Protein backbone atom coordinates (compact mmCIF):
# COMPACT_ATOMS: atom_id res chain seq x y z
CA MET A 1 -1.63 -20.17 -34.91
CA GLY A 2 -3.97 -19.53 -31.88
CA LYS A 3 -6.92 -19.92 -32.13
CA ILE A 4 -9.77 -17.34 -31.31
CA ARG A 5 -12.00 -18.62 -28.72
CA LEU A 6 -15.47 -16.58 -28.23
CA GLU A 7 -16.43 -18.28 -25.41
CA SER A 8 -17.10 -15.69 -22.23
CA TYR A 9 -13.77 -14.76 -20.22
CA MET A 10 -15.14 -15.83 -16.27
CA VAL A 11 -13.78 -13.94 -13.38
CA LYS A 12 -14.62 -13.04 -9.92
CA VAL A 13 -14.59 -9.85 -9.10
CA PHE A 14 -13.55 -7.58 -5.68
CA CYS A 15 -13.61 -3.74 -5.11
CA GLY A 16 -10.93 -2.44 -2.60
CA ILE A 17 -12.58 0.57 -0.70
CA ILE A 18 -11.07 3.45 1.01
CA TYR A 19 -13.63 5.29 2.97
CA ARG A 20 -13.92 8.19 6.35
CA ASP A 21 -17.01 6.37 7.98
CA GLU A 22 -19.13 3.40 7.92
CA ASP A 23 -22.55 4.81 6.69
CA SER A 24 -20.35 6.03 3.57
CA PHE A 25 -19.04 2.25 3.40
CA ALA A 26 -22.42 1.11 3.72
CA GLY A 27 -23.69 3.32 1.23
CA ALA A 28 -21.22 2.82 -1.32
CA ARG A 29 -21.53 -1.54 -0.78
CA GLN A 30 -25.43 -1.34 -1.17
CA SER A 31 -24.74 0.13 -4.69
CA LEU A 32 -21.93 -2.03 -5.73
CA GLU A 33 -24.39 -5.11 -4.42
CA LYS A 34 -26.86 -3.85 -6.61
CA TYR A 35 -24.65 -3.95 -10.01
CA PHE A 36 -22.46 -7.20 -8.72
CA GLY A 37 -24.60 -8.99 -7.02
CA PRO A 38 -24.60 -9.65 -2.85
CA ALA A 39 -21.23 -9.83 -1.47
CA ASP A 40 -19.71 -13.23 -0.52
CA ILE A 41 -16.42 -12.64 1.09
CA GLU A 42 -15.37 -9.55 2.65
CA ALA A 43 -12.00 -8.14 4.46
CA GLY A 44 -11.65 -5.53 7.05
CA PRO A 45 -11.86 -2.46 7.95
CA VAL A 46 -8.01 -1.62 8.28
CA SER A 47 -6.53 1.44 8.74
CA PHE A 48 -5.25 2.47 5.62
CA CYS A 49 -2.08 4.03 6.65
CA PHE A 50 -0.04 3.16 4.38
CA THR A 51 0.28 6.13 2.23
CA LYS A 52 -1.11 9.31 2.33
CA TYR A 53 -2.47 10.30 -0.94
CA TYR A 54 -6.05 10.37 0.10
CA GLU A 55 -5.62 12.62 3.06
CA ARG A 56 -5.72 15.80 1.64
CA GLU A 57 -8.94 14.96 -0.57
CA MET A 58 -10.74 12.29 2.02
CA GLY A 59 -9.43 13.47 5.85
CA LYS A 60 -7.45 11.32 7.94
CA ASP A 61 -8.09 8.16 10.01
CA LEU A 62 -9.31 6.36 6.75
CA LYS A 63 -10.21 2.37 6.57
CA ARG A 64 -10.37 0.18 3.71
CA ARG A 65 -12.32 -3.02 3.25
CA PHE A 66 -12.15 -5.61 0.63
CA ILE A 67 -15.53 -7.04 -0.77
CA SER A 68 -16.17 -9.78 -3.55
CA PHE A 69 -19.32 -10.69 -4.86
CA ALA A 70 -20.50 -14.11 -5.31
CA GLY A 71 -20.53 -15.99 -8.56
CA LEU A 72 -18.57 -14.77 -11.35
CA LEU A 73 -18.82 -12.21 -14.63
CA SER A 74 -17.13 -11.89 -18.28
CA ALA A 75 -14.15 -9.63 -17.72
CA GLU A 76 -14.68 -8.78 -21.57
CA ARG A 77 -16.62 -5.11 -19.99
CA CYS A 78 -14.52 -4.98 -17.39
CA PHE A 79 -13.56 -1.37 -18.35
CA GLU A 80 -17.27 -0.62 -17.57
CA TRP A 81 -17.08 -1.46 -13.49
CA LYS A 82 -14.50 1.33 -12.89
CA ILE A 83 -16.72 4.44 -15.02
CA PHE A 84 -19.46 2.53 -12.65
CA THR A 85 -17.83 2.73 -9.44
CA ASN A 86 -16.22 6.27 -10.57
CA GLY A 87 -19.86 6.91 -10.33
CA ILE A 88 -20.63 5.92 -6.83
CA GLU A 89 -17.67 7.87 -5.72
CA GLU A 90 -18.93 11.25 -7.13
CA SER A 91 -22.17 10.37 -5.57
CA PHE A 92 -21.15 9.78 -2.33
CA MET A 93 -18.76 13.56 -3.31
CA ASP A 94 -18.55 15.63 0.03
CA ARG A 95 -19.32 19.36 -1.74
CA GLY A 96 -16.95 20.70 1.28
CA LEU A 97 -13.34 19.71 1.76
CA PRO A 98 -12.64 17.11 1.93
CA GLY A 99 -14.15 16.31 -0.92
CA ARG A 100 -15.04 12.41 -1.49
CA LYS A 101 -16.25 9.99 1.55
CA VAL A 102 -15.18 6.73 -0.67
CA ASN A 103 -12.30 5.57 -3.13
CA ILE A 104 -13.68 2.40 -5.09
CA ASP A 105 -11.04 0.34 -6.44
CA PRO A 106 -12.64 -2.57 -8.52
CA GLY A 107 -10.82 -5.24 -9.88
CA TYR A 108 -11.42 -9.07 -11.19
CA MET A 109 -8.81 -12.78 -10.31
CA ASN A 110 -8.92 -15.64 -11.91
CA THR A 111 -6.96 -18.74 -10.53
CA SER A 112 -3.72 -16.84 -11.90
CA ARG A 113 -3.46 -13.63 -11.46
CA VAL A 114 -5.25 -10.59 -9.56
CA ILE A 115 -6.02 -7.48 -11.76
CA LEU A 116 -7.24 -3.98 -10.81
CA LEU A 117 -8.91 -1.40 -12.98
CA SER A 118 -7.43 1.98 -12.79
CA THR A 119 -8.24 5.67 -14.65
CA LYS A 120 -4.41 6.16 -14.21
CA ASP A 121 -2.17 5.31 -17.09
CA TYR A 122 1.61 4.49 -15.65
CA SER A 123 4.66 2.07 -17.87
CA HIS A 124 2.91 -0.92 -16.29
CA ARG A 125 -0.99 -0.52 -17.15
CA ILE A 126 -2.61 -1.31 -20.36
CA CYS A 127 -5.21 0.56 -21.75
CA LEU A 128 -8.75 -0.96 -22.06
CA GLN A 129 -11.52 1.44 -23.08
CA GLY A 130 -12.67 4.50 -21.98
CA GLY A 131 -9.61 5.89 -19.87
CA ILE A 132 -9.78 2.71 -18.30
CA PHE A 133 -6.49 1.09 -17.33
CA ALA A 134 -5.86 -2.53 -16.32
CA GLU A 135 -3.12 -3.37 -14.08
CA LEU A 136 -1.66 -7.03 -13.15
CA THR A 137 -1.15 -6.68 -9.34
CA MET A 138 -0.05 -10.02 -7.97
CA TYR A 139 -0.17 -13.24 -9.58
CA TYR A 140 -0.76 -16.90 -8.32
CA MET A 141 2.30 -19.46 -8.71
CA GLY A 142 3.20 -22.45 -6.64
CA LYS A 143 1.23 -22.20 -3.33
CA GLY A 144 1.11 -18.54 -3.04
CA PHE A 145 0.70 -15.00 -4.36
CA LYS A 146 3.64 -13.15 -5.95
CA PHE A 147 4.37 -9.21 -6.02
CA LEU A 148 5.59 -7.08 -8.31
CA PRO A 149 7.66 -3.82 -7.76
CA TRP A 150 4.73 -2.44 -8.24
CA THR A 151 2.04 -4.21 -5.80
CA TYR A 152 0.82 -1.83 -3.63
CA PRO A 153 2.25 -2.27 0.15
CA ASP A 154 -1.08 -3.20 1.55
CA TYR A 155 -2.04 -5.72 -0.88
CA ARG A 156 1.01 -7.37 0.49
CA THR A 157 0.11 -7.89 3.85
CA SER A 158 -1.21 -10.69 5.82
CA ALA A 159 -4.60 -9.49 6.36
CA TYR A 160 -5.23 -8.81 2.25
CA LEU A 161 -3.78 -11.62 1.24
CA ASP A 162 -5.75 -13.98 3.24
CA PHE A 163 -9.00 -12.32 1.65
CA PHE A 164 -7.34 -13.06 -2.20
CA MET A 165 -6.42 -16.87 -0.80
CA ARG A 166 -10.23 -17.17 0.58
CA MET A 167 -11.39 -15.39 -2.65
CA ARG A 168 -9.28 -17.81 -4.78
CA GLN A 169 -10.85 -20.63 -3.37
CA LYS A 170 -14.25 -19.80 -3.48
CA LEU A 171 -13.33 -19.05 -7.24
CA LEU A 172 -12.35 -22.60 -7.82
CA THR A 173 -15.17 -23.72 -6.24
CA GLU A 174 -17.53 -21.52 -8.89
CA LYS A 175 -15.33 -22.19 -12.11
């Protein structure tokens, strides 16, 4: 029988942010830093042209950035991070069309994997709590990240992989 460990499971937090304009990004970033602490690594902006999924709601010419936050947090209540980021999205709603100005996808990394948090259930996602699901998006093996059939296409790009590699290196110094 495995022994239950009661110590916190500490991870490095990041957010992928899709947005229309720099002011919306700056406001969302400020809210995220108040909650998670100061950002320490950033990637982007990169044109978000991998899907048209968000265009009807958010408009065209979207951009994406990733930011990670200094230090480590316990993953035990990570479902609260997605609930919090949904609140930020609501606070930046444009009551006209298109509606949302930002889409924020929080997640975390440990030394062996990248987990995304979502409100959407699917066959490869695990229910956490409060209507939030966790998805193993990539895993680290050998000297790099490996993808799964559902890993989003933009996560496979060199720009994003560079971000996650830098984030993993930072994580190793923070443990």
